Amino acid sequence: QAKYLTGDNTAIDAFLDQFDVFLLDCDGVIWSGDHVFPGVPETLE
């Protein structure tokens, strides 16, 4: 089962602590075409 993280801050912190490197897809994750999804630049920072 996939673990749902949205809104669960404790789970998000535990998730982030597991990893040093994140490989990110772009289309559908960062943006759709020329539309950048809200909050993405801030999340990467």
All heavy atoms as atom14 arrays in JSON, in Angstrom:
{
  "sequence": "QAKYLTGDNTAIDAFLDQFDVFLLDCDGVIWSGDHVFPGVPETLE",
  "atom14_mask": [
    [1, 1, 1, 1, 1, 1, 1, 1, 1, 0, 0, 0, 0, 0],
    [1, 1, 1, 1, 1, 0, 0, 0, 0, 0, 0, 0, 0, 0],
    [1, 1, 1, 1, 1, 1, 1, 1, 1, 0, 0, 0, 0, 0],
    [1, 1, 1, 1, 1, 1, 1, 1, 1, 1, 1, 1, 0, 0],
    [1, 1, 1, 1, 1, 1, 1, 1, 0, 0, 0, 0, 0, 0],
    [1, 1, 1, 1, 1, 1, 1, 0, 0, 0, 0, 0, 0, 0],
    [1, 1, 1, 1, 0, 0, 0, 0, 0, 0, 0, 0, 0, 0],
    [1, 1, 1, 1, 1, 1, 1, 1, 0, 0, 0, 0, 0, 0],
    [1, 1, 1, 1, 1, 1, 1, 1, 0, 0, 0, 0, 0, 0],
    [1, 1, 1, 1, 1, 1, 1, 0, 0, 0, 0, 0, 0, 0],
    [1, 1, 1, 1, 1, 0, 0, 0, 0, 0, 0, 0, 0, 0],
    [1, 1, 1, 1, 1, 1, 1, 1, 0, 0, 0, 0, 0, 0],
    [1, 1, 1, 1, 1, 1, 1, 1, 0, 0, 0, 0, 0, 0],
    [1, 1, 1, 1, 1, 0, 0, 0, 0, 0, 0, 0, 0, 0],
    [1, 1, 1, 1, 1, 1, 1, 1, 1, 1, 1, 0, 0, 0],
    [1, 1, 1, 1, 1, 1, 1, 1, 0, 0, 0, 0, 0, 0],
    [1, 1, 1, 1, 1, 1, 1, 1, 0, 0, 0, 0, 0, 0],
    [1, 1, 1, 1, 1, 1, 1, 1, 1, 0, 0, 0, 0, 0],
    [1, 1, 1, 1, 1, 1, 1, 1, 1, 1, 1, 0, 0, 0],
    [1, 1, 1, 1, 1, 1, 1, 1, 0, 0, 0, 0, 0, 0],
    [1, 1, 1, 1, 1, 1, 1, 0, 0, 0, 0, 0, 0, 0],
    [1, 1, 1, 1, 1, 1, 1, 1, 1, 1, 1, 0, 0, 0],
    [1, 1, 1, 1, 1, 1, 1, 1, 0, 0, 0, 0, 0, 0],
    [1, 1, 1, 1, 1, 1, 1, 1, 0, 0, 0, 0, 0, 0],
    [1, 1, 1, 1, 1, 1, 1, 1, 0, 0, 0, 0, 0, 0],
    [1, 1, 1, 1, 1, 1, 0, 0, 0, 0, 0, 0, 0, 0],
    [1, 1, 1, 1, 1, 1, 1, 1, 0, 0, 0, 0, 0, 0],
    [1, 1, 1, 1, 0, 0, 0, 0, 0, 0, 0, 0, 0, 0],
    [1, 1, 1, 1, 1, 1, 1, 0, 0, 0, 0, 0, 0, 0],
    [1, 1, 1, 1, 1, 1, 1, 1, 0, 0, 0, 0, 0, 0],
    [1, 1, 1, 1, 1, 1, 1, 1, 1, 1, 1, 1, 1, 1],
    [1, 1, 1, 1, 1, 1, 0, 0, 0, 0, 0, 0, 0, 0],
    [1, 1, 1, 1, 0, 0, 0, 0, 0, 0, 0, 0, 0, 0],
    [1, 1, 1, 1, 1, 1, 1, 1, 0, 0, 0, 0, 0, 0],
    [1, 1, 1, 1, 1, 1, 1, 1, 1, 1, 0, 0, 0, 0],
    [1, 1, 1, 1, 1, 1, 1, 0, 0, 0, 0, 0, 0, 0],
    [1, 1, 1, 1, 1, 1, 1, 1, 1, 1, 1, 0, 0, 0],
    [1, 1, 1, 1, 1, 1, 1, 0, 0, 0, 0, 0, 0, 0],
    [1, 1, 1, 1, 0, 0, 0, 0, 0, 0, 0, 0, 0, 0],
    [1, 1, 1, 1, 1, 1, 1, 0, 0, 0, 0, 0, 0, 0],
    [1, 1, 1, 1, 1, 1, 1, 0, 0, 0, 0, 0, 0, 0],
    [1, 1, 1, 1, 1, 1, 1, 1, 1, 0, 0, 0, 0, 0],
    [1, 1, 1, 1, 1, 1, 1, 0, 0, 0, 0, 0, 0, 0],
    [1, 1, 1, 1, 1, 1, 1, 1, 0, 0, 0, 0, 0, 0],
    [1, 1, 1, 1, 1, 1, 1, 1, 1, 0, 0, 0, 0, 0]
  ],
  "atom14_positions": [
    [[0.83, -1.19, 0.0], [0.0, 0.0, 0.0], [0.88, 1.25, 0.0], [1.87, 1.32, 0.71], [-0.91, 0.01, 1.23], [-1.92, -1.13, 1.27], [-2.96, -1.02, 0.19], [-3.55, 0.03, -0.03], [-3.19, -2.12, -0.52], [0.0, 0.0, 0.0], [0.0, 0.0, 0.0], [0.0, 0.0, 0.0], [0.0, 0.0, 0.0], [0.0, 0.0, 0.0]],
    [[0.48, 2.24, -0.8], [1.19, 3.51, -0.81], [0.75, 4.34, 0.38], [-0.45, 4.42, 0.69], [0.91, 4.25, -2.11], [0.0, 0.0, 0.0], [0.0, 0.0, 0.0], [0.0, 0.0, 0.0], [0.0, 0.0, 0.0], [0.0, 0.0, 0.0], [0.0, 0.0, 0.0], [0.0, 0.0, 0.0], [0.0, 0.0, 0.0], [0.0, 0.0, 0.0]],
    [[1.7, 4.96, 1.06], [1.38, 5.78, 2.24], [1.08, 7.21, 1.81], [1.86, 7.85, 1.11], [2.55, 5.77, 3.23], [2.27, 6.56, 4.51], [3.4, 6.43, 5.51], [3.16, 7.27, 6.75], [1.89, 6.92, 7.43], [0.0, 0.0, 0.0], [0.0, 0.0, 0.0], [0.0, 0.0, 0.0], [0.0, 0.0, 0.0], [0.0, 0.0, 0.0]],
    [[-0.06, 7.71, 2.24], [-0.51, 9.06, 1.9], [0.1, 10.06, 2.88], [-0.06, 9.93, 4.1], [-2.03, 9.12, 1.96], [-2.65, 10.43, 1.55], [-2.34, 11.02, 0.32], [-3.6, 11.05, 2.36], [-2.95, 12.21, -0.07], [-4.22, 12.23, 1.97], [-3.88, 12.81, 0.76], [-4.49, 13.98, 0.37], [0.0, 0.0, 0.0], [0.0, 0.0, 0.0]],
    [[0.82, 11.06, 2.35], [1.54, 12.0, 3.2], [0.88, 13.37, 3.35], [1.14, 14.06, 4.34], [2.96, 12.2, 2.65], [3.86, 10.98, 2.55], [5.23, 11.38, 1.99], [4.02, 10.3, 3.9], [0.0, 0.0, 0.0], [0.0, 0.0, 0.0], [0.0, 0.0, 0.0], [0.0, 0.0, 0.0], [0.0, 0.0, 0.0], [0.0, 0.0, 0.0]],
    [[0.07, 13.75, 2.39], [-0.51, 15.1, 2.41], [-1.24, 15.37, 3.72], [-2.1, 14.59, 4.15], [-1.48, 15.28, 1.23], [-0.75, 15.18, 0.01], [-2.17, 16.64, 1.29], [0.0, 0.0, 0.0], [0.0, 0.0, 0.0], [0.0, 0.0, 0.0], [0.0, 0.0, 0.0], [0.0, 0.0, 0.0], [0.0, 0.0, 0.0], [0.0, 0.0, 0.0]],
    [[-0.85, 16.48, 4.38], [-1.51, 16.9, 5.62], [-0.99, 16.23, 6.87], [-1.38, 16.62, 7.98], [0.0, 0.0, 0.0], [0.0, 0.0, 0.0], [0.0, 0.0, 0.0], [0.0, 0.0, 0.0], [0.0, 0.0, 0.0], [0.0, 0.0, 0.0], [0.0, 0.0, 0.0], [0.0, 0.0, 0.0], [0.0, 0.0, 0.0], [0.0, 0.0, 0.0]],
    [[-0.13, 15.25, 6.74], [0.42, 14.53, 7.89], [1.86, 14.99, 8.09], [2.8, 14.42, 7.55], [0.37, 13.02, 7.64], [0.73, 12.2, 8.86], [1.41, 12.74, 9.76], [0.36, 11.01, 8.91], [0.0, 0.0, 0.0], [0.0, 0.0, 0.0], [0.0, 0.0, 0.0], [0.0, 0.0, 0.0], [0.0, 0.0, 0.0], [0.0, 0.0, 0.0]],
    [[2.03, 16.04, 8.88], [3.35, 16.66, 9.0], [4.38, 15.74, 9.64], [5.56, 15.77, 9.28], [3.22, 17.96, 9.81], [2.38, 19.0, 9.07], [2.49, 19.15, 7.86], [1.52, 19.69, 9.81], [0.0, 0.0, 0.0], [0.0, 0.0, 0.0], [0.0, 0.0, 0.0], [0.0, 0.0, 0.0], [0.0, 0.0, 0.0], [0.0, 0.0, 0.0]],
    [[3.95, 14.93, 10.57], [4.89, 13.98, 11.2], [5.39, 12.98, 10.17], [6.59, 12.67, 10.11], [4.19, 13.24, 12.35], [3.75, 14.19, 13.34], [5.15, 12.26, 13.01], [0.0, 0.0, 0.0], [0.0, 0.0, 0.0], [0.0, 0.0, 0.0], [0.0, 0.0, 0.0], [0.0, 0.0, 0.0], [0.0, 0.0, 0.0], [0.0, 0.0, 0.0]],
    [[4.49, 12.47, 9.36], [4.87, 11.5, 8.33], [5.76, 12.15, 7.27], [6.7, 11.53, 6.76], [3.62, 10.92, 7.67], [0.0, 0.0, 0.0], [0.0, 0.0, 0.0], [0.0, 0.0, 0.0], [0.0, 0.0, 0.0], [0.0, 0.0, 0.0], [0.0, 0.0, 0.0], [0.0, 0.0, 0.0], [0.0, 0.0, 0.0], [0.0, 0.0, 0.0]],
    [[5.47, 13.42, 6.93], [6.3, 14.13, 5.94], [7.72, 14.3, 6.47], [8.7, 14.05, 5.74], [5.68, 15.5, 5.59], [4.4, 15.29, 4.79], [6.68, 16.37, 4.82], [3.6, 16.56, 4.55], [0.0, 0.0, 0.0], [0.0, 0.0, 0.0], [0.0, 0.0, 0.0], [0.0, 0.0, 0.0], [0.0, 0.0, 0.0], [0.0, 0.0, 0.0]],
    [[7.86, 14.7, 7.72], [9.19, 14.86, 8.3], [9.96, 13.54, 8.31], [11.15, 13.49, 8.0], [9.08, 15.41, 9.73], [8.67, 16.87, 9.76], [8.81, 17.55, 8.72], [8.19, 17.34, 10.81], [0.0, 0.0, 0.0], [0.0, 0.0, 0.0], [0.0, 0.0, 0.0], [0.0, 0.0, 0.0], [0.0, 0.0, 0.0], [0.0, 0.0, 0.0]],
    [[9.26, 12.47, 8.67], [9.9, 11.15, 8.69], [10.31, 10.73, 7.28], [11.39, 10.15, 7.08], [8.96, 10.11, 9.29], [0.0, 0.0, 0.0], [0.0, 0.0, 0.0], [0.0, 0.0, 0.0], [0.0, 0.0, 0.0], [0.0, 0.0, 0.0], [0.0, 0.0, 0.0], [0.0, 0.0, 0.0], [0.0, 0.0, 0.0], [0.0, 0.0, 0.0]],
    [[9.46, 11.05, 6.31], [9.77, 10.75, 4.91], [11.02, 11.48, 4.45], [11.95, 10.89, 3.88], [8.57, 11.13, 4.03], [8.86, 11.2, 2.56], [8.97, 10.05, 1.79], [9.01, 12.44, 1.94], [9.24, 10.13, 0.43], [9.28, 12.52, 0.58], [9.39, 11.37, -0.18], [0.0, 0.0, 0.0], [0.0, 0.0, 0.0], [0.0, 0.0, 0.0]],
    [[11.07, 12.77, 4.71], [12.22, 13.57, 4.27], [13.51, 13.13, 4.94], [14.59, 13.17, 4.32], [11.96, 15.06, 4.55], [10.82, 15.71, 3.75], [10.63, 17.16, 4.18], [11.09, 15.63, 2.26], [0.0, 0.0, 0.0], [0.0, 0.0, 0.0], [0.0, 0.0, 0.0], [0.0, 0.0, 0.0], [0.0, 0.0, 0.0], [0.0, 0.0, 0.0]],
    [[13.42, 12.68, 6.17], [14.62, 12.25, 6.9], [15.23, 10.97, 6.31], [16.4, 10.68, 6.55], [14.28, 12.0, 8.38], [14.08, 13.31, 9.16], [14.5, 14.36, 8.65], [13.49, 13.25, 10.26], [0.0, 0.0, 0.0], [0.0, 0.0, 0.0], [0.0, 0.0, 0.0], [0.0, 0.0, 0.0], [0.0, 0.0, 0.0], [0.0, 0.0, 0.0]],
    [[14.44, 10.23, 5.53], [14.94, 8.97, 4.95], [15.88, 9.18, 3.77], [16.6, 8.26, 3.4], [13.77, 8.12, 4.46], [12.88, 7.54, 5.54], [11.79, 6.66, 4.93], [12.09, 5.75, 4.15], [10.55, 6.94, 5.25], [0.0, 0.0, 0.0], [0.0, 0.0, 0.0], [0.0, 0.0, 0.0], [0.0, 0.0, 0.0], [0.0, 0.0, 0.0]],
    [[15.85, 10.4, 3.18], [16.52, 10.58, 1.9], [17.45, 11.79, 1.87], [17.18, 12.81, 2.51], [15.48, 10.71, 0.78], [14.5, 9.57, 0.74], [13.18, 9.75, 1.13], [14.91, 8.3, 0.34], [12.28, 8.7, 1.11], [14.01, 7.24, 0.32], [12.69, 7.44, 0.71], [0.0, 0.0, 0.0], [0.0, 0.0, 0.0], [0.0, 0.0, 0.0]],
    [[18.53, 11.62, 1.1], [19.48, 12.72, 0.87], [19.34, 13.29, -0.54], [19.7, 14.43, -0.79], [20.92, 12.22, 1.04], [21.17, 11.63, 2.41], [20.71, 12.22, 3.4], [21.82, 10.56, 2.48], [0.0, 0.0, 0.0], [0.0, 0.0, 0.0], [0.0, 0.0, 0.0], [0.0, 0.0, 0.0], [0.0, 0.0, 0.0], [0.0, 0.0, 0.0]],
    [[18.82, 12.46, -1.47], [18.74, 12.84, -2.88], [17.32, 12.6, -3.39], [16.73, 11.55, -3.1], [19.74, 12.03, -3.74], [19.62, 12.43, -5.21], [21.16, 12.23, -3.25], [0.0, 0.0, 0.0], [0.0, 0.0, 0.0], [0.0, 0.0, 0.0], [0.0, 0.0, 0.0], [0.0, 0.0, 0.0], [0.0, 0.0, 0.0], [0.0, 0.0, 0.0]],
    [[16.8, 13.58, -4.12], [15.49, 13.43, -4.75], [15.64, 13.59, -6.26], [16.12, 14.62, -6.74], [14.5, 14.46, -4.21], [14.08, 14.2, -2.79], [14.72, 14.81, -1.73], [13.05, 13.29, -2.51], [14.35, 14.55, -0.41], [12.67, 13.02, -1.21], [13.32, 13.65, -0.15], [0.0, 0.0, 0.0], [0.0, 0.0, 0.0], [0.0, 0.0, 0.0]],
    [[15.26, 12.55, -7.0], [15.2, 12.6, -8.44], [13.78, 13.01, -8.81], [12.82, 12.34, -8.42], [15.53, 11.24, -9.06], [16.82, 10.56, -8.62], [17.0, 9.23, -9.37], [18.02, 11.47, -8.85], [0.0, 0.0, 0.0], [0.0, 0.0, 0.0], [0.0, 0.0, 0.0], [0.0, 0.0, 0.0], [0.0, 0.0, 0.0], [0.0, 0.0, 0.0]],
    [[13.64, 14.11, -9.53], [12.31, 14.64, -9.82], [12.01, 14.66, -11.31], [12.81, 15.18, -12.1], [12.17, 16.07, -9.28], [12.3, 16.26, -7.77], [13.63, 16.89, -7.43], [11.16, 17.14, -7.25], [0.0, 0.0, 0.0], [0.0, 0.0, 0.0], [0.0, 0.0, 0.0], [0.0, 0.0, 0.0], [0.0, 0.0, 0.0], [0.0, 0.0, 0.0]],
    [[10.87, 14.09, -11.67], [10.35, 14.26, -13.02], [9.91, 15.72, -13.14], [9.71, 16.41, -12.14], [9.17, 13.31, -13.22], [8.56, 13.44, -14.6], [9.31, 13.61, -15.56], [7.32, 13.38, -14.7], [0.0, 0.0, 0.0], [0.0, 0.0, 0.0], [0.0, 0.0, 0.0], [0.0, 0.0, 0.0], [0.0, 0.0, 0.0], [0.0, 0.0, 0.0]],
    [[9.74, 16.2, -14.37], [9.33, 17.59, -14.58], [7.88, 17.71, -15.03], [7.04, 18.26, -14.32], [10.26, 18.26, -15.6], [11.96, 18.44, -15.02], [0.0, 0.0, 0.0], [0.0, 0.0, 0.0], [0.0, 0.0, 0.0], [0.0, 0.0, 0.0], [0.0, 0.0, 0.0], [0.0, 0.0, 0.0], [0.0, 0.0, 0.0], [0.0, 0.0, 0.0]],
    [[7.55, 17.17, -16.22], [6.19, 17.26, -16.73], [5.23, 16.49, -15.83], [5.38, 15.29, -15.62], [6.11, 16.7, -18.16], [6.96, 17.49, -19.14], [6.77, 18.71, -19.21], [7.82, 16.89, -19.81], [0.0, 0.0, 0.0], [0.0, 0.0, 0.0], [0.0, 0.0, 0.0], [0.0, 0.0, 0.0], [0.0, 0.0, 0.0], [0.0, 0.0, 0.0]],
    [[4.25, 17.2, -15.3], [3.28, 16.57, -14.41], [3.66, 16.63, -12.95], [2.84, 16.28, -12.08], [0.0, 0.0, 0.0], [0.0, 0.0, 0.0], [0.0, 0.0, 0.0], [0.0, 0.0, 0.0], [0.0, 0.0, 0.0], [0.0, 0.0, 0.0], [0.0, 0.0, 0.0], [0.0, 0.0, 0.0], [0.0, 0.0, 0.0], [0.0, 0.0, 0.0]],
    [[4.87, 17.08, -12.65], [5.34, 17.19, -11.26], [5.71, 18.65, -10.94], [5.2, 19.23, -9.98], [6.57, 16.29, -11.01], [7.1, 16.48, -9.58], [6.21, 14.83, -11.24], [0.0, 0.0, 0.0], [0.0, 0.0, 0.0], [0.0, 0.0, 0.0], [0.0, 0.0, 0.0], [0.0, 0.0, 0.0], [0.0, 0.0, 0.0], [0.0, 0.0, 0.0]],
    [[6.58, 19.21, -11.77], [7.01, 20.6, -11.61], [6.04, 21.54, -12.31], [5.67, 22.59, -11.81], [8.43, 20.82, -12.18], [9.42, 19.84, -11.55], [8.88, 22.26, -12.0], [9.63, 20.03, -10.08], [0.0, 0.0, 0.0], [0.0, 0.0, 0.0], [0.0, 0.0, 0.0], [0.0, 0.0, 0.0], [0.0, 0.0, 0.0], [0.0, 0.0, 0.0]],
    [[5.64, 21.12, -13.51], [4.77, 21.95, -14.34], [3.94, 21.1, -15.28], [4.17, 19.9, -15.43], [5.61, 22.94, -15.15], [6.73, 22.31, -15.93], [6.66, 21.25, -16.8], [8.11, 22.68, -15.91], [7.89, 20.94, -17.32], [8.81, 21.81, -16.8], [8.85, 23.67, -15.26], [10.18, 21.89, -17.02], [10.21, 23.75, -15.48], [10.86, 22.88, -16.35]],
    [[2.97, 21.74, -15.91], [2.24, 21.17, -17.03], [2.36, 22.18, -18.16], [1.78, 23.26, -18.1], [0.77, 20.93, -16.68], [0.05, 20.47, -17.82], [0.0, 0.0, 0.0], [0.0, 0.0, 0.0], [0.0, 0.0, 0.0], [0.0, 0.0, 0.0], [0.0, 0.0, 0.0], [0.0, 0.0, 0.0], [0.0, 0.0, 0.0], [0.0, 0.0, 0.0]],
    [[3.16, 21.84, -19.17], [3.44, 22.82, -20.21], [4.21, 24.0, -19.64], [5.27, 23.84, -19.03], [0.0, 0.0, 0.0], [0.0, 0.0, 0.0], [0.0, 0.0, 0.0], [0.0, 0.0, 0.0], [0.0, 0.0, 0.0], [0.0, 0.0, 0.0], [0.0, 0.0, 0.0], [0.0, 0.0, 0.0], [0.0, 0.0, 0.0], [0.0, 0.0, 0.0]],
    [[3.66, 25.2, -19.78], [4.3, 26.41, -19.24], [3.72, 26.83, -17.89], [4.1, 27.86, -17.34], [4.16, 27.57, -20.24], [5.08, 27.4, -21.44], [6.18, 26.84, -21.26], [4.7, 27.81, -22.55], [0.0, 0.0, 0.0], [0.0, 0.0, 0.0], [0.0, 0.0, 0.0], [0.0, 0.0, 0.0], [0.0, 0.0, 0.0], [0.0, 0.0, 0.0]],
    [[2.8, 26.02, -17.37], [2.19, 26.34, -16.07], [2.92, 25.62, -14.95], [2.92, 24.38, -14.87], [0.72, 25.93, -16.07], [0.08, 25.96, -14.71], [-0.2, 27.16, -14.07], [-0.31, 24.97, -13.86], [-0.75, 26.89, -12.89], [-0.81, 25.58, -12.75], [0.0, 0.0, 0.0], [0.0, 0.0, 0.0], [0.0, 0.0, 0.0], [0.0, 0.0, 0.0]],
    [[3.59, 26.39, -14.09], [4.27, 25.82, -12.93], [3.24, 25.63, -11.82], [2.48, 26.55, -11.5], [5.41, 26.74, -12.44], [6.03, 26.2, -11.16], [6.46, 26.88, -13.53], [0.0, 0.0, 0.0], [0.0, 0.0, 0.0], [0.0, 0.0, 0.0], [0.0, 0.0, 0.0], [0.0, 0.0, 0.0], [0.0, 0.0, 0.0], [0.0, 0.0, 0.0]],
    [[3.21, 24.44, -11.24], [2.25, 24.2, -10.17], [2.55, 25.08, -8.97], [3.73, 25.3, -8.62], [2.27, 22.72, -9.77], [1.86, 21.79, -10.88], [2.69, 20.76, -11.3], [0.63, 21.93, -11.51], [2.32, 19.9, -12.32], [0.24, 21.08, -12.54], [1.09, 20.06, -12.94], [0.0, 0.0, 0.0], [0.0, 0.0, 0.0], [0.0, 0.0, 0.0]],
    [[1.53, 25.6, -8.31], [1.73, 26.5, -7.17], [2.61, 25.88, -6.09], [2.47, 24.7, -5.75], [0.3, 26.72, -6.65], [-0.58, 26.5, -7.84], [0.08, 25.4, -8.62], [0.0, 0.0, 0.0], [0.0, 0.0, 0.0], [0.0, 0.0, 0.0], [0.0, 0.0, 0.0], [0.0, 0.0, 0.0], [0.0, 0.0, 0.0], [0.0, 0.0, 0.0]],
    [[3.52, 26.7, -5.56], [4.36, 26.28, -4.45], [5.57, 25.46, -4.81], [6.38, 25.12, -3.93], [0.0, 0.0, 0.0], [0.0, 0.0, 0.0], [0.0, 0.0, 0.0], [0.0, 0.0, 0.0], [0.0, 0.0, 0.0], [0.0, 0.0, 0.0], [0.0, 0.0, 0.0], [0.0, 0.0, 0.0], [0.0, 0.0, 0.0], [0.0, 0.0, 0.0]],
    [[5.75, 25.13, -6.09], [6.88, 24.27, -6.48], [8.23, 24.94, -6.25], [9.13, 24.33, -5.66], [6.74, 23.8, -7.95], [8.06, 23.26, -8.48], [5.67, 22.71, -8.05], [0.0, 0.0, 0.0], [0.0, 0.0, 0.0], [0.0, 0.0, 0.0], [0.0, 0.0, 0.0], [0.0, 0.0, 0.0], [0.0, 0.0, 0.0], [0.0, 0.0, 0.0]],
    [[8.45, 26.2, -6.68], [9.76, 26.82, -6.42], [10.11, 26.85, -4.94], [11.25, 26.56, -4.55], [9.59, 28.23, -7.0], [8.53, 28.09, -8.05], [7.57, 27.09, -7.48], [0.0, 0.0, 0.0], [0.0, 0.0, 0.0], [0.0, 0.0, 0.0], [0.0, 0.0, 0.0], [0.0, 0.0, 0.0], [0.0, 0.0, 0.0], [0.0, 0.0, 0.0]],
    [[9.12, 27.18, -4.11], [9.36, 27.24, -2.67], [9.65, 25.85, -2.09], [10.47, 25.71, -1.18], [8.13, 27.84, -1.97], [7.83, 29.29, -2.33], [7.03, 29.44, -3.62], [6.76, 28.43, -4.3], [6.68, 30.6, -3.95], [0.0, 0.0, 0.0], [0.0, 0.0, 0.0], [0.0, 0.0, 0.0], [0.0, 0.0, 0.0], [0.0, 0.0, 0.0]],
    [[9.0, 24.83, -2.65], [9.23, 23.46, -2.16], [10.63, 22.99, -2.49], [11.3, 22.36, -1.66], [8.19, 22.5, -2.77], [6.88, 22.96, -2.45], [8.38, 21.09, -2.24], [0.0, 0.0, 0.0], [0.0, 0.0, 0.0], [0.0, 0.0, 0.0], [0.0, 0.0, 0.0], [0.0, 0.0, 0.0], [0.0, 0.0, 0.0], [0.0, 0.0, 0.0]],
    [[11.11, 23.3, -3.69], [12.46, 22.91, -4.06], [13.49, 23.61, -3.18], [14.48, 23.0, -2.75], [12.71, 23.24, -5.54], [11.86, 22.44, -6.54], [12.04, 22.98, -7.95], [12.22, 20.96, -6.49], [0.0, 0.0, 0.0], [0.0, 0.0, 0.0], [0.0, 0.0, 0.0], [0.0, 0.0, 0.0], [0.0, 0.0, 0.0], [0.0, 0.0, 0.0]],
    [[13.26, 24.88, -2.89], [14.17, 25.61, -2.0], [14.11, 25.04, -0.59], [15.12, 24.98, 0.11], [13.81, 27.1, -2.0], [14.27, 27.83, -3.25], [15.77, 27.68, -3.49], [16.56, 28.1, -2.63], [16.14, 27.08, -4.52], [0.0, 0.0, 0.0], [0.0, 0.0, 0.0], [0.0, 0.0, 0.0], [0.0, 0.0, 0.0], [0.0, 0.0, 0.0]]
  ]
}
